[in-house]
Protein backbone atom coordinates (compact mmCIF):
# COMPACT_ATOMS: atom_id res chain seq x y z
CA MET A 1 11.75 69.55 91.51
CA THR A 2 12.39 70.14 95.28
CA ILE A 3 10.58 72.62 97.48
CA TRP A 4 13.75 74.70 97.74
CA ALA A 5 13.89 74.98 93.91
CA LYS A 6 10.19 76.12 93.75
CA HIS A 7 10.81 78.73 96.38
CA ALA A 8 13.89 79.86 94.65
CA GLY A 9 12.25 80.29 91.40
CA ARG A 10 9.39 82.33 93.02
CA HIS A 11 11.89 84.52 94.84
CA ALA A 12 13.72 85.10 91.59
CA LYS A 13 10.49 86.11 90.02
CA TRP A 14 9.75 88.66 92.74
CA LEU A 15 13.30 89.81 92.83
CA GLY A 16 12.94 90.58 89.23
CA ILE A 17 9.90 92.63 89.67
CA ALA A 18 11.16 94.47 92.53
CA ILE A 19 14.26 95.34 90.46
CA LEU A 20 12.00 96.47 87.63
CA ILE A 21 10.05 98.72 89.95
CA GLY A 22 13.19 99.99 91.51
CA LEU A 23 14.66 100.83 88.16
CA LEU A 24 11.36 102.57 87.13
CA LEU A 25 11.06 104.71 90.13
CA GLY A 26 14.71 105.45 90.45
CA VAL A 27 15.39 106.40 86.84
CA ALA A 28 12.03 108.21 86.29
CA SER A 29 13.43 111.38 87.69
CA ALA A 30 16.69 111.15 85.92
CA SER A 31 17.04 113.18 82.87
CA ASP A 32 19.09 112.56 79.62
CA ALA A 33 22.64 114.04 79.27
CA ALA A 34 21.64 115.08 75.68
CA ASP A 35 18.81 117.40 76.90
CA VAL A 36 19.48 121.02 76.18
CA ASN A 37 18.24 122.03 79.65
CA PRO A 38 18.12 118.77 81.92
CA LEU A 39 16.38 120.87 84.78
CA GLN A 40 13.44 121.91 82.60
CA PRO A 41 10.33 120.97 84.36
CA ALA A 42 7.72 118.61 82.52
CA ASP A 43 4.99 120.27 80.67
CA THR A 44 1.98 120.16 82.97
CA SER A 45 -0.14 122.77 81.06
CA SER A 46 -2.82 120.28 80.27
CA PRO A 47 -3.71 116.79 81.20
CA ARG A 48 -2.81 115.68 77.76
CA ALA A 49 0.68 117.24 77.99
CA SER A 50 1.16 115.70 81.35
CA LEU A 51 0.18 112.24 80.24
CA GLN A 52 2.41 112.69 77.00
CA GLY A 53 5.30 113.45 79.28
CA PHE A 54 4.66 110.39 81.50
CA ILE A 55 4.53 108.17 78.62
CA GLU A 56 7.70 109.51 77.02
CA ALA A 57 9.56 109.06 80.38
CA VAL A 58 8.27 105.48 80.77
CA ASP A 59 9.26 104.60 77.23
CA ASN A 60 12.87 105.91 77.56
CA ILE A 61 13.15 103.97 80.95
CA TYR A 62 11.88 100.77 79.08
CA LEU A 63 14.25 101.29 76.33
CA GLY A 64 17.14 101.79 78.75
CA THR A 65 16.45 98.73 80.83
CA LYS A 66 14.92 96.21 78.47
CA ASP A 67 18.28 94.53 77.48
CA VAL A 68 19.45 94.48 81.14
CA LEU A 69 16.19 92.72 82.32
CA GLU A 70 16.15 90.40 79.44
CA GLU A 71 19.72 89.33 80.28
CA TYR A 72 18.88 88.92 83.91
CA GLY A 73 15.80 86.96 82.96
CA ARG A 74 17.84 84.55 80.87
CA SER A 75 20.52 84.12 83.58
CA ASP A 76 20.40 81.92 86.68
CA ARG A 77 22.03 84.53 88.81
CA LEU A 78 20.58 85.96 91.89
CA TYR A 79 21.89 89.48 91.53
CA LEU A 80 22.76 91.74 88.60
CA ILE A 81 26.47 91.68 87.56
CA ARG A 82 28.46 94.85 88.07
CA ARG A 83 28.35 95.80 84.32
CA SER A 84 24.64 95.63 84.36
CA ARG A 85 24.24 97.71 87.54
CA ASN A 86 26.49 100.29 86.16
CA GLN A 87 24.87 100.52 82.80
CA LYS A 88 23.63 104.16 82.10
CA VAL A 89 19.93 104.34 81.01
């Protein structure tokens, strides 16, 4: 394995992590179209309710991006393909 190949593998790993973080931050504030009131603020009446709302949001993001990230991880592409970038979460 050449030095370039080692660096490319390392860069691909960091790129994947950066994409995951970007998706988590970018989609965290997005709401589902199926919500009755998509502008309804999160329940912050107690620490438990705040944490529950955060966990639900992260779970929804994970479920929406899991397949895209797995497909990207199996591929040897440097960037996501257009279909994956345009996929709604």
